[in-house]
Amino acid sequence: MERRREPRFECIQDAQLANLETGETYPATIVNISGRGMQILLDRAVPINTAIRVDYADHLLLGDVCYCLQDGGRFRAGIALAHSLTGIATLATLTRKLAAPASQTVPIP
C-alpha cells in the first residue's frame, strides 16, 4: 500500500547538490520527485539530517536528507523538501536590474 501523500514522478535529471553545513557541492541525479520530497543518486554518502540545496534546470530546492543507502557503486538518498523556488534565471535578471545604478536603469512604463 502506498503511504505517500503526493504522487512521485519518475525522472532522470542532472542536478547539483550542495551540503549547506560543509559548503561542499557535488553532482547528483534526481530519479523521482514530488511536492514534498525527492530521491537522488550520488557518488558519495550524505549524512542523515544534513541540510542540502539542490539546483537543477531553473529550480532551487532546499531540504534535509532522510536516508542515504548504498546502491551498487552509488548512494541513493531521500530528501524531504522544505522550500522550492522556480524561475531562478528571471529572478537573477530582475535582481541585476534593481542593483544597477540609477543612470543605467530603464524606466518601467
N, C-alpha and C. Protein backbone atom coordinates (compact mmCIF):
# COMPACT_ATOMS: atom_id res chain seq x y z
N MET A 1 0.84 -1.18 0.00
CA MET A 1 0.00 0.00 0.00
C MET A 1 0.89 1.25 0.00
N GLU A 2 0.60 2.17 -0.87
CA GLU A 2 1.34 3.43 -1.00
C GLU A 2 0.98 4.34 0.18
N ARG A 3 2.00 4.84 0.89
CA ARG A 3 1.76 5.70 2.05
C ARG A 3 2.01 7.17 1.76
N ARG A 4 2.50 7.50 0.61
CA ARG A 4 2.84 8.90 0.32
C ARG A 4 1.57 9.74 0.13
N ARG A 5 1.67 11.00 0.54
CA ARG A 5 0.53 11.93 0.41
C ARG A 5 0.40 12.46 -1.01
N GLU A 6 1.50 12.51 -1.73
CA GLU A 6 1.50 13.05 -3.09
C GLU A 6 2.16 12.04 -4.02
N PRO A 7 1.73 12.02 -5.29
CA PRO A 7 2.37 11.09 -6.23
C PRO A 7 3.80 11.50 -6.53
N ARG A 8 4.64 10.51 -6.76
CA ARG A 8 6.03 10.75 -7.19
C ARG A 8 6.09 10.58 -8.68
N PHE A 9 6.90 11.41 -9.32
CA PHE A 9 7.07 11.36 -10.76
C PHE A 9 8.49 10.90 -11.06
N GLU A 10 8.59 9.82 -11.82
CA GLU A 10 9.89 9.28 -12.21
C GLU A 10 10.56 10.25 -13.18
N CYS A 11 11.86 10.41 -13.06
CA CYS A 11 12.61 11.27 -13.98
C CYS A 11 14.08 10.91 -13.90
N ILE A 12 14.82 11.38 -14.83
CA ILE A 12 16.28 11.32 -14.79
C ILE A 12 16.73 12.74 -15.09
N GLN A 13 17.16 13.47 -14.07
CA GLN A 13 17.50 14.87 -14.20
C GLN A 13 18.83 15.15 -13.52
N ASP A 14 19.80 15.63 -14.27
CA ASP A 14 21.08 16.02 -13.67
C ASP A 14 20.86 17.21 -12.76
N ALA A 15 21.58 17.22 -11.64
CA ALA A 15 21.43 18.29 -10.65
C ALA A 15 22.76 18.51 -9.95
N GLN A 16 22.82 19.56 -9.17
CA GLN A 16 23.98 19.86 -8.33
C GLN A 16 23.48 19.90 -6.90
N LEU A 17 24.11 19.13 -6.01
CA LEU A 17 23.73 19.11 -4.61
C LEU A 17 24.78 19.87 -3.81
N ALA A 18 24.32 20.74 -2.91
CA ALA A 18 25.22 21.47 -2.01
C ALA A 18 24.89 21.10 -0.58
N ASN A 19 25.90 20.67 0.16
CA ASN A 19 25.76 20.40 1.58
C ASN A 19 25.85 21.76 2.27
N LEU A 20 24.76 22.22 2.86
CA LEU A 20 24.73 23.56 3.45
C LEU A 20 25.52 23.65 4.75
N GLU A 21 25.90 22.51 5.30
CA GLU A 21 26.66 22.51 6.54
C GLU A 21 28.16 22.58 6.30
N THR A 22 28.63 21.97 5.20
CA THR A 22 30.07 21.96 4.91
C THR A 22 30.45 22.84 3.75
N GLY A 23 29.47 23.22 2.91
CA GLY A 23 29.76 24.01 1.72
C GLY A 23 30.18 23.18 0.52
N GLU A 24 30.33 21.87 0.69
CA GLU A 24 30.72 21.01 -0.42
C GLU A 24 29.59 20.91 -1.45
N THR A 25 29.96 20.81 -2.72
CA THR A 25 28.98 20.59 -3.78
C THR A 25 29.43 19.40 -4.61
N TYR A 26 28.46 18.67 -5.14
CA TYR A 26 28.78 17.55 -5.99
C TYR A 26 27.60 17.22 -6.89
N PRO A 27 27.87 16.54 -7.99
CA PRO A 27 26.80 16.20 -8.93
C PRO A 27 25.86 15.15 -8.35
N ALA A 28 24.62 15.23 -8.78
CA ALA A 28 23.59 14.28 -8.36
C ALA A 28 22.66 14.04 -9.54
N THR A 29 21.88 12.98 -9.45
CA THR A 29 20.85 12.69 -10.44
C THR A 29 19.54 12.51 -9.71
N ILE A 30 18.54 13.31 -10.06
CA ILE A 30 17.20 13.16 -9.48
C ILE A 30 16.53 12.01 -10.20
N VAL A 31 16.01 11.02 -9.44
CA VAL A 31 15.35 9.88 -10.06
C VAL A 31 13.84 9.90 -9.87
N ASN A 32 13.35 10.59 -8.85
CA ASN A 32 11.91 10.85 -8.74
C ASN A 32 11.70 12.05 -7.83
N ILE A 33 10.52 12.66 -8.00
CA ILE A 33 10.25 13.90 -7.28
C ILE A 33 8.75 14.04 -7.04
N SER A 34 8.40 14.68 -5.92
CA SER A 34 7.01 15.02 -5.62
C SER A 34 7.01 16.41 -5.00
N GLY A 35 5.88 16.87 -4.57
CA GLY A 35 5.81 18.19 -3.95
C GLY A 35 6.51 18.25 -2.60
N ARG A 36 6.70 17.11 -1.95
CA ARG A 36 7.29 17.09 -0.61
C ARG A 36 8.63 16.40 -0.52
N GLY A 37 9.06 15.73 -1.59
CA GLY A 37 10.32 15.02 -1.49
C GLY A 37 10.88 14.59 -2.83
N MET A 38 12.07 14.03 -2.77
CA MET A 38 12.72 13.53 -3.97
C MET A 38 13.69 12.44 -3.59
N GLN A 39 14.06 11.66 -4.59
CA GLN A 39 15.10 10.66 -4.41
C GLN A 39 16.19 10.97 -5.42
N ILE A 40 17.44 10.95 -4.94
CA ILE A 40 18.57 11.29 -5.79
C ILE A 40 19.64 10.21 -5.70
N LEU A 41 20.46 10.14 -6.74
CA LEU A 41 21.62 9.27 -6.76
C LEU A 41 22.87 10.13 -6.66
N LEU A 42 23.83 9.67 -5.85
CA LEU A 42 25.07 10.41 -5.62
C LEU A 42 26.25 9.45 -5.68
N ASP A 43 27.43 9.99 -5.88
CA ASP A 43 28.65 9.19 -5.86
C ASP A 43 29.23 9.07 -4.45
N ARG A 44 28.65 9.78 -3.48
CA ARG A 44 29.14 9.74 -2.11
C ARG A 44 27.96 9.77 -1.15
N ALA A 45 28.19 9.30 0.05
CA ALA A 45 27.15 9.30 1.08
C ALA A 45 27.00 10.70 1.66
N VAL A 46 25.78 11.03 2.06
CA VAL A 46 25.49 12.28 2.75
C VAL A 46 24.79 11.90 4.07
N PRO A 47 25.26 12.41 5.19
CA PRO A 47 24.67 12.02 6.48
C PRO A 47 23.19 12.39 6.60
N ILE A 48 22.45 11.55 7.31
CA ILE A 48 21.03 11.81 7.57
C ILE A 48 20.91 13.12 8.35
N ASN A 49 19.85 13.87 8.07
CA ASN A 49 19.53 15.17 8.67
C ASN A 49 20.42 16.31 8.18
N THR A 50 21.24 16.07 7.16
CA THR A 50 22.05 17.14 6.59
C THR A 50 21.15 18.09 5.80
N ALA A 51 21.30 19.38 6.03
CA ALA A 51 20.58 20.40 5.25
C ALA A 51 21.27 20.52 3.89
N ILE A 52 20.46 20.43 2.82
CA ILE A 52 21.04 20.46 1.47
C ILE A 52 20.28 21.44 0.57
N ARG A 53 20.96 21.78 -0.50
CA ARG A 53 20.37 22.59 -1.57
C ARG A 53 20.56 21.79 -2.86
N VAL A 54 19.50 21.70 -3.67
CA VAL A 54 19.59 21.02 -4.96
C VAL A 54 19.24 22.03 -6.03
N ASP A 55 20.14 22.19 -6.99
CA ASP A 55 19.91 23.08 -8.14
C ASP A 55 19.80 22.23 -9.39
N TYR A 56 18.75 22.48 -10.18
CA TYR A 56 18.63 21.84 -11.49
C TYR A 56 17.76 22.71 -12.38
N ALA A 57 18.08 22.66 -13.67
CA ALA A 57 17.36 23.48 -14.65
C ALA A 57 17.20 24.90 -14.09
N ASP A 58 15.98 25.36 -13.91
CA ASP A 58 15.72 26.71 -13.42
C ASP A 58 15.08 26.66 -12.02
N HIS A 59 15.51 25.66 -11.21
CA HIS A 59 14.92 25.41 -9.90
C HIS A 59 15.98 25.38 -8.80
N LEU A 60 15.58 25.80 -7.62
CA LEU A 60 16.40 25.72 -6.41
C LEU A 60 15.52 25.08 -5.34
N LEU A 61 15.99 23.98 -4.76
CA LEU A 61 15.23 23.26 -3.74
C LEU A 61 16.05 23.16 -2.46
N LEU A 62 15.40 23.33 -1.32
CA LEU A 62 16.05 23.19 -0.02
C LEU A 62 15.37 22.08 0.75
N GLY A 63 16.17 21.28 1.45
CA GLY A 63 15.58 20.20 2.23
C GLY A 63 16.60 19.54 3.12
N ASP A 64 16.21 18.38 3.66
CA ASP A 64 17.04 17.61 4.57
C ASP A 64 17.11 16.16 4.08
N VAL A 65 18.24 15.53 4.29
CA VAL A 65 18.42 14.13 3.93
C VAL A 65 17.69 13.26 4.94
N CYS A 66 16.78 12.39 4.45
CA CYS A 66 16.02 11.47 5.32
C CYS A 66 16.72 10.13 5.45
N TYR A 67 17.32 9.68 4.34
CA TYR A 67 18.06 8.43 4.36
C TYR A 67 19.10 8.48 3.25
N CYS A 68 20.13 7.65 3.39
CA CYS A 68 21.15 7.54 2.35
C CYS A 68 21.69 6.12 2.41
N LEU A 69 21.41 5.34 1.36
CA LEU A 69 21.76 3.93 1.31
C LEU A 69 22.66 3.65 0.13
N GLN A 70 23.61 2.76 0.32
CA GLN A 70 24.47 2.36 -0.80
C GLN A 70 23.63 1.54 -1.78
N ASP A 71 23.81 1.83 -3.07
CA ASP A 71 23.07 1.16 -4.14
C ASP A 71 24.07 0.85 -5.24
N GLY A 72 24.69 -0.33 -5.17
CA GLY A 72 25.76 -0.65 -6.11
C GLY A 72 26.96 0.23 -5.80
N GLY A 73 27.47 0.90 -6.82
CA GLY A 73 28.61 1.79 -6.62
C GLY A 73 28.22 3.22 -6.30
N ARG A 74 26.92 3.47 -6.12
CA ARG A 74 26.45 4.83 -5.82
C ARG A 74 25.65 4.83 -4.52
N PHE A 75 25.11 6.00 -4.18
CA PHE A 75 24.29 6.14 -2.99
C PHE A 75 22.94 6.71 -3.39
N ARG A 76 21.87 6.18 -2.82
CA ARG A 76 20.50 6.62 -3.08
C ARG A 76 20.02 7.35 -1.84
N ALA A 77 19.68 8.61 -1.98
CA ALA A 77 19.27 9.43 -0.83
C ALA A 77 17.85 9.93 -1.01
N GLY A 78 17.11 9.94 0.08
CA GLY A 78 15.78 10.53 0.13
C GLY A 78 15.87 11.92 0.74
N ILE A 79 15.22 12.87 0.10
CA ILE A 79 15.26 14.26 0.54
C ILE A 79 13.84 14.72 0.89
N ALA A 80 13.66 15.23 2.10
CA ALA A 80 12.40 15.88 2.48
C ALA A 80 12.53 17.35 2.12
N LEU A 81 11.69 17.81 1.21
CA LEU A 81 11.79 19.20 0.74
C LEU A 81 11.11 20.16 1.71
N ALA A 82 11.78 21.27 1.95
CA ALA A 82 11.23 22.32 2.83
C ALA A 82 10.80 23.54 2.02
N HIS A 83 11.58 23.90 0.99
CA HIS A 83 11.29 25.09 0.18
C HIS A 83 11.71 24.85 -1.25
N SER A 84 11.01 25.50 -2.17
CA SER A 84 11.42 25.42 -3.58
C SER A 84 11.21 26.78 -4.23
N LEU A 85 12.06 27.07 -5.19
CA LEU A 85 11.99 28.33 -5.92
C LEU A 85 12.21 28.01 -7.39
N THR A 86 11.31 28.47 -8.23
CA THR A 86 11.46 28.28 -9.67
C THR A 86 11.61 29.64 -10.34
N GLY A 87 12.06 29.63 -11.57
CA GLY A 87 12.26 30.89 -12.29
C GLY A 87 13.50 31.62 -11.82
N ILE A 88 14.55 30.89 -11.48
CA ILE A 88 15.78 31.49 -10.95
C ILE A 88 16.42 32.45 -11.94
N ALA A 89 16.40 32.10 -13.22
CA ALA A 89 17.03 32.97 -14.23
C ALA A 89 16.31 34.32 -14.30
N THR A 90 15.00 34.31 -14.28
CA THR A 90 14.23 35.55 -14.32
C THR A 90 14.49 36.38 -13.07
N LEU A 91 14.53 35.72 -11.92
CA LEU A 91 14.80 36.41 -10.66
C LEU A 91 16.19 37.05 -10.68
N ALA A 92 17.19 36.34 -11.22
CA ALA A 92 18.55 36.89 -11.30
C ALA A 92 18.59 38.13 -12.20
N THR A 93 17.88 38.08 -13.32
CA THR A 93 17.83 39.23 -14.23
C THR A 93 17.19 40.44 -13.55
N LEU A 94 16.09 40.23 -12.86
CA LEU A 94 15.43 41.33 -12.16
C LEU A 94 16.30 41.90 -11.05
N THR A 95 17.00 41.04 -10.35
CA THR A 95 17.90 41.48 -9.27
C THR A 95 19.02 42.35 -9.83
N ARG A 96 19.60 41.92 -10.96
CA ARG A 96 20.67 42.72 -11.59
C ARG A 96 20.15 44.09 -12.02
N LYS A 97 18.94 44.13 -12.55
CA LYS A 97 18.36 45.41 -12.97
C LYS A 97 18.11 46.32 -11.77
N LEU A 98 17.64 45.75 -10.67
CA LEU A 98 17.39 46.55 -9.48
C LEU A 98 18.68 47.04 -8.84
N ALA A 99 19.75 46.28 -8.97
CA ALA A 99 21.03 46.65 -8.36
C ALA A 99 21.84 47.61 -9.23
N ALA A 100 21.43 47.82 -10.47
CA ALA A 100 22.17 48.71 -11.37
C ALA A 100 22.05 50.16 -10.89
N PRO A 101 23.09 50.97 -11.12
CA PRO A 101 23.00 52.39 -10.78
C PRO A 101 21.81 53.04 -11.48
N ALA A 102 21.25 54.06 -10.86
CA ALA A 102 20.06 54.72 -11.41
C ALA A 102 20.27 55.21 -12.83
N SER A 103 21.47 55.61 -13.18
CA SER A 103 21.74 56.12 -14.53
C SER A 103 21.65 55.01 -15.58
N GLN A 104 21.75 53.76 -15.16
CA GLN A 104 21.70 52.65 -16.11
C GLN A 104 20.36 51.96 -16.16
N THR A 105 19.44 52.33 -15.29
CA THR A 105 18.15 51.64 -15.25
C THR A 105 17.26 52.13 -16.38
N VAL A 106 16.39 51.24 -16.79
CA VAL A 106 15.43 51.57 -17.83
C VAL A 106 14.10 51.81 -17.14
N PRO A 107 13.45 52.95 -17.44
CA PRO A 107 12.17 53.22 -16.75
C PRO A 107 11.13 52.17 -17.11
N ILE A 108 10.34 51.81 -16.14
CA ILE A 108 9.26 50.83 -16.35
C ILE A 108 8.00 51.63 -16.62
N PRO A 109 7.34 51.37 -17.76
CA PRO A 109 6.14 52.14 -18.11
C PRO A 109 4.98 51.87 -17.17
